[in-house]
Amino acid sequence: MFDVAFSEILVIAVVALIVIGPEKLPKVARTLGLLTGRLQRYVSTVKADIDRELHMEDLRKLEQDTRQSIMSVQSDVATEIGKVESTAKSTLDATAPDKPDSSA
């Protein structure tokens, strides 16, 4: 994230030694290290949450696409069943012998 060279860190350390003093410098460095660790954990948690949300969004999109595909297949199957039924009915009507009208 930050591009800090060794020479820049050395300059910061010397300035901190002069400003803070040699007695308080270890405590300040320890506190700074703890705060840096907390910040890194927080950033890691946020990244994990974002990745999890992106994954959930991908899964939702996949679910929606799958549902649309299923509905399309269901519609196609219903159409084909209707065609087969009408073909079967017309075939049965054409091959069935004519029944005489018994009411006359």
PDB file of N, CA and C in Angstrom:
ATOM      1  N   MET A   1       0.827  -1.172   0.000  1.00  0.00           N
ATOM      2  CA  MET A   1       0.000   0.000   0.000  1.00  0.00           C
ATOM      3  C   MET A   1       0.879   1.246   0.000  1.00  0.00           C
ATOM      4  N   PHE A   2       1.744   1.341   0.990  1.00  0.00           N
ATOM      5  CA  PHE A   2       2.681   2.459   1.044  1.00  0.00           C
ATOM      6  C   PHE A   2       4.042   1.936   0.633  1.00  0.00           C
ATOM      7  N   ASP A   3       4.743   2.738  -0.124  1.00  0.00           N
ATOM      8  CA  ASP A   3       6.087   2.352  -0.539  1.00  0.00           C
ATOM      9  C   ASP A   3       7.075   3.145   0.301  1.00  0.00           C
ATOM     10  N   VAL A   4       7.547   2.521   1.393  1.00  0.00           N
ATOM     11  CA  VAL A   4       8.456   3.185   2.318  1.00  0.00           C
ATOM     12  C   VAL A   4       9.793   2.454   2.271  1.00  0.00           C
ATOM     13  N   ALA A   5      10.831   3.189   1.950  1.00  0.00           N
ATOM     14  CA  ALA A   5      12.163   2.600   1.872  1.00  0.00           C
ATOM     15  C   ALA A   5      12.798   2.558   3.263  1.00  0.00           C
ATOM     16  N   PHE A   6      13.877   1.789   3.382  1.00  0.00           N
ATOM     17  CA  PHE A   6      14.567   1.650   4.667  1.00  0.00           C
ATOM     18  C   PHE A   6      15.123   2.990   5.135  1.00  0.00           C
ATOM     19  N   SER A   7      15.632   3.783   4.209  1.00  0.00           N
ATOM     20  CA  SER A   7      16.203   5.079   4.594  1.00  0.00           C
ATOM     21  C   SER A   7      15.128   6.006   5.167  1.00  0.00           C
ATOM     22  N   GLU A   8      13.909   5.933   4.632  1.00  0.00           N
ATOM     23  CA  GLU A   8      12.819   6.752   5.170  1.00  0.00           C
ATOM     24  C   GLU A   8      12.420   6.296   6.569  1.00  0.00           C
ATOM     25  N   ILE A   9      12.409   5.000   6.783  1.00  0.00           N
ATOM     26  CA  ILE A   9      12.108   4.477   8.123  1.00  0.00           C
ATOM     27  C   ILE A   9      13.182   4.918   9.115  1.00  0.00           C
ATOM     28  N   LEU A  10      14.435   4.899   8.694  1.00  0.00           N
ATOM     29  CA  LEU A  10      15.541   5.328   9.552  1.00  0.00           C
ATOM     30  C   LEU A  10      15.405   6.808   9.919  1.00  0.00           C
ATOM     31  N   VAL A  11      15.036   7.655   8.975  1.00  0.00           N
ATOM     32  CA  VAL A  11      14.842   9.079   9.256  1.00  0.00           C
ATOM     33  C   VAL A  11      13.698   9.264  10.243  1.00  0.00           C
ATOM     34  N   ILE A  12      12.599   8.537  10.049  1.00  0.00           N
ATOM     35  CA  ILE A  12      11.459   8.622  10.970  1.00  0.00           C
ATOM     36  C   ILE A  12      11.869   8.185  12.372  1.00  0.00           C
ATOM     37  N   ALA A  13      12.655   7.119  12.481  1.00  0.00           N
ATOM     38  CA  ALA A  13      13.102   6.627  13.786  1.00  0.00           C
ATOM     39  C   ALA A  13      13.982   7.651  14.492  1.00  0.00           C
ATOM     40  N   VAL A  14      14.892   8.280  13.765  1.00  0.00           N
ATOM     41  CA  VAL A  14      15.776   9.294  14.366  1.00  0.00           C
ATOM     42  C   VAL A  14      14.956  10.494  14.839  1.00  0.00           C
ATOM     43  N   VAL A  15      14.024  10.937  14.038  1.00  0.00           N
ATOM     44  CA  VAL A  15      13.179  12.077  14.427  1.00  0.00           C
ATOM     45  C   VAL A  15      12.332  11.694  15.643  1.00  0.00           C
ATOM     46  N   ALA A  16      11.801  10.490  15.673  1.00  0.00           N
ATOM     47  CA  ALA A  16      11.006  10.031  16.821  1.00  0.00           C
ATOM     48  C   ALA A  16      11.874   9.963  18.069  1.00  0.00           C
ATOM     49  N   LEU A  17      13.098   9.507  17.950  1.00  0.00           N
ATOM     50  CA  LEU A  17      14.007   9.444  19.096  1.00  0.00           C
ATOM     51  C   LEU A  17      14.285  10.835  19.649  1.00  0.00           C
ATOM     52  N   ILE A  18      14.460  11.790  18.758  1.00  0.00           N
ATOM     53  CA  ILE A  18      14.736  13.158  19.199  1.00  0.00           C
ATOM     54  C   ILE A  18      13.491  13.794  19.826  1.00  0.00           C
ATOM     55  N   VAL A  19      12.335  13.627  19.202  1.00  0.00           N
ATOM     56  CA  VAL A  19      11.109  14.280  19.664  1.00  0.00           C
ATOM     57  C   VAL A  19      10.561  13.612  20.917  1.00  0.00           C
ATOM     58  N   ILE A  20      10.449  12.292  20.915  1.00  0.00           N
ATOM     59  CA  ILE A  20       9.828  11.569  22.025  1.00  0.00           C
ATOM     60  C   ILE A  20      10.807  11.355  23.173  1.00  0.00           C
ATOM     61  N   GLY A  21      12.007  11.071  22.847  1.00  0.00           N
ATOM     62  CA  GLY A  21      13.008  10.816  23.876  1.00  0.00           C
ATOM     63  C   GLY A  21      13.237   9.325  24.044  1.00  0.00           C
ATOM     64  N   PRO A  22      14.426   8.968  24.547  1.00  0.00           N
ATOM     65  CA  PRO A  22      14.770   7.546  24.652  1.00  0.00           C
ATOM     66  C   PRO A  22      13.963   6.802  25.729  1.00  0.00           C
ATOM     67  N   GLU A  23      13.401   7.483  26.722  1.00  0.00           N
ATOM     68  CA  GLU A  23      12.659   6.803  27.782  1.00  0.00           C
ATOM     69  C   GLU A  23      11.277   6.356  27.306  1.00  0.00           C
ATOM     70  N   LYS A  24      10.607   7.193  26.541  1.00  0.00           N
ATOM     71  CA  LYS A  24       9.241   6.910  26.121  1.00  0.00           C
ATOM     72  C   LYS A  24       9.168   6.190  24.770  1.00  0.00           C
ATOM     73  N   LEU A  25      10.250   6.153  24.048  1.00  0.00           N
ATOM     74  CA  LEU A  25      10.241   5.582  22.703  1.00  0.00           C
ATOM     75  C   LEU A  25       9.818   4.111  22.686  1.00  0.00           C
ATOM     76  N   PRO A  26      10.293   3.225  23.574  1.00  0.00           N
ATOM     77  CA  PRO A  26       9.847   1.826  23.529  1.00  0.00           C
ATOM     78  C   PRO A  26       8.330   1.677  23.747  1.00  0.00           C
ATOM     79  N   LYS A  27       7.790   2.461  24.696  1.00  0.00           N
ATOM     80  CA  LYS A  27       6.363   2.380  24.960  1.00  0.00           C
ATOM     81  C   LYS A  27       5.563   2.884  23.756  1.00  0.00           C
ATOM     82  N   VAL A  28       5.996   3.962  23.143  1.00  0.00           N
ATOM     83  CA  VAL A  28       5.318   4.505  21.965  1.00  0.00           C
ATOM     84  C   VAL A  28       5.409   3.516  20.803  1.00  0.00           C
ATOM     85  N   ALA A  29       6.578   2.903  20.634  1.00  0.00           N
ATOM     86  CA  ALA A  29       6.743   1.924  19.551  1.00  0.00           C
ATOM     87  C   ALA A  29       5.840   0.723  19.768  1.00  0.00           C
ATOM     88  N   ARG A  30       5.734   0.242  21.012  1.00  0.00           N
ATOM     89  CA  ARG A  30       4.859  -0.893  21.346  1.00  0.00           C
ATOM     90  C   ARG A  30       3.395  -0.533  21.045  1.00  0.00           C
ATOM     91  N   THR A  31       2.982   0.654  21.484  1.00  0.00           N
ATOM     92  CA  THR A  31       1.609   1.105  21.241  1.00  0.00           C
ATOM     93  C   THR A  31       1.339   1.245  19.749  1.00  0.00           C
ATOM     94  N   LEU A  32       2.291   1.803  19.033  1.00  0.00           N
ATOM     95  CA  LEU A  32       2.146   1.942  17.587  1.00  0.00           C
ATOM     96  C   LEU A  32       2.034   0.575  16.909  1.00  0.00           C
ATOM     97  N   GLY A  33       2.827  -0.379  17.378  1.00  0.00           N
ATOM     98  CA  GLY A  33       2.745  -1.737  16.840  1.00  0.00           C
ATOM     99  C   GLY A  33       1.386  -2.378  17.103  1.00  0.00           C
ATOM    100  N   LEU A  34       0.842  -2.200  18.319  1.00  0.00           N
ATOM    101  CA  LEU A  34      -0.481  -2.739  18.635  1.00  0.00           C
ATOM    102  C   LEU A  34      -1.567  -2.103  17.768  1.00  0.00           C
ATOM    103  N   LEU A  35      -1.486  -0.790  17.601  1.00  0.00           N
ATOM    104  CA  LEU A  35      -2.472  -0.106  16.766  1.00  0.00           C
ATOM    105  C   LEU A  35      -2.374  -0.537  15.306  1.00  0.00           C
ATOM    106  N   THR A  36      -1.161  -0.743  14.842  1.00  0.00           N
ATOM    107  CA  THR A  36      -0.969  -1.219  13.468  1.00  0.00           C
ATOM    108  C   THR A  36      -1.556  -2.615  13.297  1.00  0.00           C
ATOM    109  N   GLY A  37      -1.347  -3.481  14.297  1.00  0.00           N
ATOM    110  CA  GLY A  37      -1.923  -4.820  14.238  1.00  0.00           C
ATOM    111  C   GLY A  37      -3.443  -4.790  14.219  1.00  0.00           C
ATOM    112  N   ARG A  38      -4.038  -3.938  15.042  1.00  0.00           N
ATOM    113  CA  ARG A  38      -5.500  -3.805  15.052  1.00  0.00           C
ATOM    114  C   ARG A  38      -6.005  -3.317  13.700  1.00  0.00           C
ATOM    115  N   LEU A  39      -5.294  -2.347  13.134  1.00  0.00           N
ATOM    116  CA  LEU A  39      -5.687  -1.814  11.831  1.00  0.00           C
ATOM    117  C   LEU A  39      -5.620  -2.899  10.754  1.00  0.00           C
ATOM    118  N   GLN A  40      -4.555  -3.701  10.789  1.00  0.00           N
ATOM    119  CA  GLN A  40      -4.425  -4.776   9.803  1.00  0.00           C
ATOM    120  C   GLN A  40      -5.533  -5.811   9.963  1.00  0.00           C
ATOM    121  N   ARG A  41      -5.870  -6.161  11.212  1.00  0.00           N
ATOM    122  CA  ARG A  41      -6.971  -7.111  11.433  1.00  0.00           C
ATOM    123  C   ARG A  41      -8.298  -6.540  10.953  1.00  0.00           C
ATOM    124  N   TYR A  42      -8.523  -5.257  11.207  1.00  0.00           N
ATOM    125  CA  TYR A  42      -9.754  -4.615  10.762  1.00  0.00           C
ATOM    126  C   TYR A  42      -9.850  -4.620   9.239  1.00  0.00           C
ATOM    127  N   VAL A  43      -8.763  -4.252   8.575  1.00  0.00           N
ATOM    128  CA  VAL A  43      -8.751  -4.247   7.115  1.00  0.00           C
ATOM    129  C   VAL A  43      -8.967  -5.659   6.581  1.00  0.00           C
ATOM    130  N   SER A  44      -8.357  -6.647   7.221  1.00  0.00           N
ATOM    131  CA  SER A  44      -8.543  -8.036   6.816  1.00  0.00           C
ATOM    132  C   SER A  44     -10.000  -8.462   6.960  1.00  0.00           C
ATOM    133  N   THR A  45     -10.634  -8.064   8.050  1.00  0.00           N
ATOM    134  CA  THR A  45     -12.041  -8.397   8.270  1.00  0.00           C
ATOM    135  C   THR A  45     -12.931  -7.751   7.216  1.00  0.00           C
ATOM    136  N   VAL A  46     -12.657  -6.484   6.909  1.00  0.00           N
ATOM    137  CA  VAL A  46     -13.454  -5.780   5.899  1.00  0.00           C
ATOM    138  C   VAL A  46     -13.285  -6.445   4.536  1.00  0.00           C
ATOM    139  N   LYS A  47     -12.063  -6.814   4.192  1.00  0.00           N
ATOM    140  CA  LYS A  47     -11.828  -7.501   2.921  1.00  0.00           C
ATOM    141  C   LYS A  47     -12.577  -8.823   2.864  1.00  0.00           C
ATOM    142  N   ALA A  48     -12.549  -9.585   3.945  1.00  0.00           N
ATOM    143  CA  ALA A  48     -13.263 -10.863   3.990  1.00  0.00           C
ATOM    144  C   ALA A  48     -14.768 -10.649   3.834  1.00  0.00           C
ATOM    145  N   ASP A  49     -15.306  -9.622   4.479  1.00  0.00           N
ATOM    146  CA  ASP A  49     -16.730  -9.323   4.352  1.00  0.00           C
ATOM    147  C   ASP A  49     -17.097  -8.948   2.917  1.00  0.00           C
ATOM    148  N   ILE A  50     -16.255  -8.150   2.298  1.00  0.00           N
ATOM    149  CA  ILE A  50     -16.517  -7.751   0.909  1.00  0.00           C
ATOM    150  C   ILE A  50     -16.457  -8.965  -0.009  1.00  0.00           C
ATOM    151  N   ASP A  51     -15.458  -9.816   0.173  1.00  0.00           N
ATOM    152  CA  ASP A  51     -15.355 -11.029  -0.635  1.00  0.00           C
ATOM    153  C   ASP A  51     -16.573 -11.927  -0.442  1.00  0.00           C
ATOM    154  N   ARG A  52     -17.020 -12.049   0.800  1.00  0.00           N
ATOM    155  CA  ARG A  52     -18.190 -12.877   1.099  1.00  0.00           C
ATOM    156  C   ARG A  52     -19.442 -12.307   0.418  1.00  0.00           C
ATOM    157  N   GLU A  53     -19.601 -10.984   0.442  1.00  0.00           N
ATOM    158  CA  GLU A  53     -20.749 -10.350  -0.209  1.00  0.00           C
ATOM    159  C   GLU A  53     -20.704 -10.538  -1.722  1.00  0.00           C
ATOM    160  N   LEU A  54     -19.508 -10.414  -2.302  1.00  0.00           N
ATOM    161  CA  LEU A  54     -19.372 -10.626  -3.744  1.00  0.00           C
ATOM    162  C   LEU A  54     -19.714 -12.060  -4.112  1.00  0.00           C
ATOM    163  N   HIS A  55     -19.277 -12.994  -3.291  1.00  0.00           N
ATOM    164  CA  HIS A  55     -19.579 -14.404  -3.535  1.00  0.00           C
ATOM    165  C   HIS A  55     -21.085 -14.652  -3.431  1.00  0.00           C
ATOM    166  N   MET A  56     -21.721 -14.038  -2.431  1.00  0.00           N
ATOM    167  CA  MET A  56     -23.174 -14.187  -2.276  1.00  0.00           C
ATOM    168  C   MET A  56     -23.907 -13.591  -3.475  1.00  0.00           C
ATOM    169  N   GLU A  57     -23.428 -12.475  -3.981  1.00  0.00           N
ATOM    170  CA  GLU A  57     -24.052 -11.852  -5.154  1.00  0.00           C
ATOM    171  C   GLU A  57     -23.927 -12.772  -6.367  1.00  0.00           C
ATOM    172  N   ASP A  58     -22.760 -13.397  -6.527  1.00  0.00           N
ATOM    173  CA  ASP A  58     -22.579 -14.353  -7.619  1.00  0.00           C
ATOM    174  C   ASP A  58     -23.525 -15.532  -7.474  1.00  0.00           C
ATOM    175  N   LEU A  59     -23.694 -16.019  -6.249  1.00  0.00           N
ATOM    176  CA  LEU A  59     -24.607 -17.137  -6.018  1.00  0.00           C
ATOM    177  C   LEU A  59     -26.059 -16.741  -6.294  1.00  0.00           C
ATOM    178  N   ARG A  60     -26.435 -15.524  -5.913  1.00  0.00           N
ATOM    179  CA  ARG A  60     -27.800 -15.058  -6.197  1.00  0.00           C
ATOM    180  C   ARG A  60     -28.040 -14.973  -7.705  1.00  0.00           C
ATOM    181  N   LYS A  61     -27.047 -14.472  -8.435  1.00  0.00           N
ATOM    182  CA  LYS A  61     -27.189 -14.372  -9.883  1.00  0.00           C
ATOM    183  C   LYS A  61     -27.282 -15.770 -10.503  1.00  0.00           C
ATOM    184  N   LEU A  62     -26.476 -16.688 -10.021  1.00  0.00           N
ATOM    185  CA  LEU A  62     -26.529 -18.055 -10.512  1.00  0.00           C
ATOM    186  C   LEU A  62     -27.890 -18.677 -10.224  1.00  0.00           C
ATOM    187  N   GLU A  63     -28.419 -18.432  -9.023  1.00  0.00           N
ATOM    188  CA  GLU A  63     -29.741 -18.957  -8.676  1.00  0.00           C
ATOM    189  C   GLU A  63     -30.812 -18.384  -9.608  1.00  0.00           C
ATOM    190  N   GLN A  64     -30.750 -17.095  -9.882  1.00  0.00           N
ATOM    191  CA  GLN A  64     -31.732 -16.467 -10.754  1.00  0.00           C
ATOM    192  C   GLN A  64     -31.633 -17.039 -12.171  1.00  0.00           C
ATOM    193  N   ASP A  65     -30.425 -17.195 -12.682  1.00  0.00           N
ATOM    194  CA  ASP A  65     -30.241 -17.769 -14.015  1.00  0.00           C
ATOM    195  C   ASP A  65     -30.761 -19.198 -14.076  1.00  0.00           C
ATOM    196  N   THR A  66     -30.503 -19.967 -13.017  1.00  0.00           N
ATOM    197  CA  THR A  66     -30.970 -21.347 -12.965  1.00  0.00           C
ATOM    198  C   THR A  66     -32.488 -21.401 -12.934  1.00  0.00           C
ATOM    199  N   ARG A  67     -33.103 -20.536 -12.139  1.00  0.00           N
ATOM    200  CA  ARG A  67     -34.572 -20.498 -12.081  1.00  0.00           C
ATOM    201  C   ARG A  67     -35.162 -20.151 -13.446  1.00  0.00           C
ATOM    202  N   GLN A  68     -34.555 -19.191 -14.145  1.00  0.00           N
ATOM    203  CA  GLN A  68     -35.045 -18.832 -15.473  1.00  0.00           C
ATOM    204  C   GLN A  68     -34.909 -20.001 -16.444  1.00  0.00           C
ATOM    205  N   SER A  69     -33.796 -20.714 -16.363  1.00  0.00           N
ATOM    206  CA  SER A  69     -33.594 -21.874 -17.235  1.00  0.00           C
ATOM    207  C   SER A  69     -34.622 -22.959 -16.941  1.00  0.00           C
ATOM    208  N   ILE A  70     -34.889 -23.186 -15.667  1.00  0.00           N
ATOM    209  CA  ILE A  70     -35.866 -24.200 -15.285  1.00  0.00           C
ATOM    210  C   ILE A  70     -37.257 -23.821 -15.786  1.00  0.00           C
ATOM    211  N   MET A  71     -37.614 -22.544 -15.639  1.00  0.00           N
ATOM    212  CA  MET A  71     -38.925 -22.097 -16.117  1.00  0.00           C
ATOM    213  C   MET A  71     -39.025 -22.258 -17.632  1.00  0.00           C
ATOM    214  N   SER A  72     -37.951 -21.957 -18.344  1.00  0.00           N
ATOM    215  CA  SER A  72     -37.946 -22.091 -19.793  1.00  0.00           C
ATOM    216  C   SER A  72     -38.113 -23.558 -20.199  1.00  0.00           C
ATOM    217  N   VAL A  73     -37.388 -24.445 -19.540  1.00  0.00           N
ATOM    218  CA  VAL A  73     -37.492 -25.875 -19.843  1.00  0.00           C
ATOM    219  C   VAL A  73     -38.895 -26.377 -19.505  1.00  0.00           C
ATOM    220  N   GLN A  74     -39.433 -25.928 -18.375  1.00  0.00           N
ATOM    221  CA  GLN A  74     -40.774 -26.338 -17.969  1.00  0.00           C
ATOM    222  C   GLN A  74     -41.796 -25.891 -19.017  1.00  0.00           C
ATOM    223  N   SER A  75     -41.665 -24.689 -19.517  1.00  0.00           N
ATOM    224  CA  SER A  75     -42.575 -24.184 -20.543  1.00  0.00           C
ATOM    225  C   SER A  75     -42.444 -24.998 -21.833  1.00  0.00           C
ATOM    226  N   ASP A  76     -41.213 -25.287 -22.228  1.00  0.00           N
ATOM    227  CA  ASP A  76     -40.984 -26.088 -23.436  1.00  0.00           C
ATOM    228  C   ASP A  76     -41.575 -27.483 -23.293  1.00  0.00           C
ATOM    229  N   VAL A  77     -41.401 -28.090 -22.120  1.00  0.00           N
ATOM    230  CA  VAL A  77     -41.950 -29.436 -21.890  1.00  0.00           C
ATOM    231  C   VAL A  77     -43.475 -29.401 -21.939  1.00  0.00           C
ATOM    232  N   ALA A  78     -44.085 -28.393 -21.326  1.00  0.00           N
ATOM    233  CA  ALA A  78     -45.540 -28.283 -21.349  1.00  0.00           C
ATOM    234  C   ALA A  78     -46.049 -28.109 -22.780  1.00  0.00           C
ATOM    235  N   THR A  79     -45.345 -27.332 -23.582  1.00  0.00           N
ATOM    236  CA  THR A  79     -45.732 -27.137 -24.982  1.00  0.00           C
ATOM    237  C   THR A  79     -45.644 -28.447 -25.756  1.00  0.00           C
ATOM    238  N   GLU A  80     -44.555 -29.170 -25.550  1.00  0.00           N
ATOM    239  CA  GLU A  80     -44.379 -30.445 -26.248  1.00  0.00           C
ATOM    240  C   GLU A  80     -45.428 -31.473 -25.808  1.00  0.00           C
ATOM    241  N   ILE A  81     -45.754 -31.483 -24.530  1.00  0.00           N
ATOM    242  CA  ILE A  81     -46.781 -32.408 -24.040  1.00  0.00           C
ATOM    243  C   ILE A  81     -48.122 -32.073 -24.690  1.00  0.00           C
ATOM    244  N   GLY A  82     -48.431 -30.799 -24.803  1.00  0.00           N
ATOM    245  CA  GLY A  82     -49.668 -30.379 -25.472  1.00  0.00           C
ATOM    246  C   GLY A  82     -49.696 -30.830 -26.918  1.00  0.00           C
ATOM    247  N   LYS A  83     -48.573 -30.708 -27.619  1.00  0.00           N
ATOM    248  CA  LYS A  83     -48.512 -31.146 -29.025  1.00  0.00           C
ATOM    249  C   LYS A  83     -48.716 -32.656 -29.132  1.00  0.00           C
ATOM    250  N   VAL A  84     -48.059 -33.408 -28.236  1.00  0.00           N
ATOM    251  CA  VAL A  84     -48.181 -34.870 -28.262  1.00  0.00           C
ATOM    252  C   VAL A  84     -49.626 -35.277 -27.962  1.00  0.00           C
ATOM    253  N   GLU A  85     -50.249 -34.626 -26.987  1.00  0.00           N
ATOM    254  CA  GLU A  85     -51.638 -34.952 -26.656  1.00  0.00           C
ATOM    255  C   GLU A  85     -52.572 -34.676 -27.827  1.00  0.00           C
ATOM    256  N   SER A  86     -52.379 -33.528 -28.474  1.00  0.00           N
ATOM    257  CA  SER A  86     -53.260 -33.211 -29.609  1.00  0.00           C
ATOM    258  C   SER A  86     -53.018 -34.165 -30.774  1.00  0.00           C
ATOM    259  N   THR A  87     -51.765 -34.540 -31.010  1.00  0.00           N
ATOM    260  CA  THR A  87     -51.458 -35.501 -32.071  1.00  0.00           C
ATOM    261  C   THR A  87     -52.067 -36.860 -31.749  1.00  0.00           C
ATOM    262  N   ALA A  88     -51.936 -37.271 -30.490  1.00  0.00           N
ATOM    263  CA  ALA A  88     -52.496 -38.567 -30.094  1.00  0.00           C
ATOM    264  C   ALA A  88     -54.012 -38.559 -30.207  1.00  0.00           C
ATOM    265  N   LYS A  89     -54.643 -37.473 -29.822  1.00  0.00           N
ATOM    266  CA  LYS A  89     -56.101 -37.387 -29.895  1.00  0.00           C
ATOM    267  C   LYS A  89     -56.572 -37.407 -31.337  1.00  0.00           C
ATOM    268  N   SER A  90     -55.891 -36.662 -32.198  1.00  0.00           N
ATOM    269  CA  SER A  90     -56.303 -36.653 -33.605  1.00  0.00           C
ATOM    270  C   SER A  90     -56.073 -38.012 -34.253  1.00  0.00           C
ATOM    271  N   THR A  91     -55.003 -38.692 -33.846  1.00  0.00           N
ATOM    272  CA  THR A  91     -54.741 -40.029 -34.380  1.00  0.00           C
ATOM    273  C   THR A  91     -55.808 -41.009 -33.899  1.00  0.00           C
ATOM    274  N   LEU A  92     -56.171 -40.943 -32.646  1.00  0.00           N
ATOM    275  CA  LEU A  92     -57.217 -41.820 -32.113  1.00  0.00           C
ATOM    276  C   LEU A  92     -58.564 -41.534 -32.751  1.00  0.00           C
ATOM    277  N   ASP A  93     -58.880 -40.284 -32.960  1.00  0.00           N
ATOM    278  CA  ASP A  93     -60.149 -39.932 -33.597  1.00  0.00           C
ATOM    279  C   ASP A  93     -60.192 -40.423 -35.034  1.00  0.00           C
ATOM    280  N   ALA A  94     -59.064 -40.383 -35.729  1.00  0.00           N
ATOM    281  CA  ALA A  94     -59.023 -40.810 -37.126  1.00  0.00           C
ATOM    282  C   ALA A  94     -59.100 -42.321 -37.249  1.00  0.00           C
ATOM    283  N   THR A  95     -58.562 -43.068 -36.295  1.00  0.00           N
ATOM    284  CA  THR A  95     -58.556 -44.526 -36.387  1.00  0.00           C
ATOM    285  C   THR A  95     -59.749 -45.172 -35.706  1.00  0.00           C
ATOM    286  N   ALA A  96     -60.487 -44.450 -34.912  1.00  0.00           N
ATOM    287  CA  ALA A  96     -61.641 -45.024 -34.213  1.00  0.00           C
ATOM    288  C   ALA A  96     -62.769 -45.233 -35.207  1.00  0.00           C
ATOM    289  N   PRO A  97     -63.467 -46.387 -35.129  1.00  0.00           N
ATOM    290  CA  PRO A  97     -64.593 -46.636 -36.048  1.00  0.00           C
ATOM    291  C   PRO A  97     -65.754 -45.707 -35.688  1.00  0.00           C
ATOM    292  N   ASP A  98     -66.475 -45.327 -36.718  1.00  0.00           N
ATOM    293  CA  ASP A  98     -67.621 -44.465 -36.491  1.00  0.00           C
ATOM    294  C   ASP A  98     -68.701 -45.257 -35.803  1.00  0.00           C
ATOM    295  N   LYS A  99     -69.233 -44.737 -34.734  1.00  0.00           N
ATOM    296  CA  LYS A  99     -70.304 -45.410 -34.003  1.00  0.00           C
ATOM    297  C   LYS A  99     -71.631 -44.966 -34.592  1.00  0.00           C
ATOM    298  N   PRO A 100     -72.505 -45.910 -34.773  1.00  0.00           N
ATOM    299  CA  PRO A 100     -73.833 -45.515 -35.293  1.00  0.00           C
ATOM    300  C   PRO A 100     -74.596 -44.756 -34.230  1.00  0.00           C
ATOM    301  N   ASP A 101     -75.433 -43.889 -34.693  1.00  0.00           N
ATOM    302  CA  ASP A 101     -76.236 -43.065 -33.806  1.00  0.00           C
ATOM    303  C   ASP A 101     -77.409 -43.897 -33.311  1.00  0.00           C
ATOM    304  N   SER A 102     -77.432 -44.283 -32.034  1.00  0.00           N
ATOM    305  CA  SER A 102     -78.452 -45.161 -31.491  1.00  0.00           C
ATOM    306  C   SER A 102     -79.675 -44.431 -31.010  1.00  0.00           C
ATOM    307  N   SER A 103     -79.690 -43.142 -31.030  1.00  0.00           N
ATOM    308  CA  SER A 103     -80.819 -42.367 -30.522  1.00  0.00           C
ATOM    309  C   SER A 103     -81.908 -42.220 -31.562  1.00  0.00           C
ATOM    310  N   ALA A 104     -81.695 -42.554 -32.810  1.00  0.00           N
ATOM    311  CA  ALA A 104     -82.675 -42.352 -33.869  1.00  0.00           C
ATOM    312  C   ALA A 104     -83.664 -43.427 -34.019  1.00  0.00           C
TER     313      ALA A 104
END
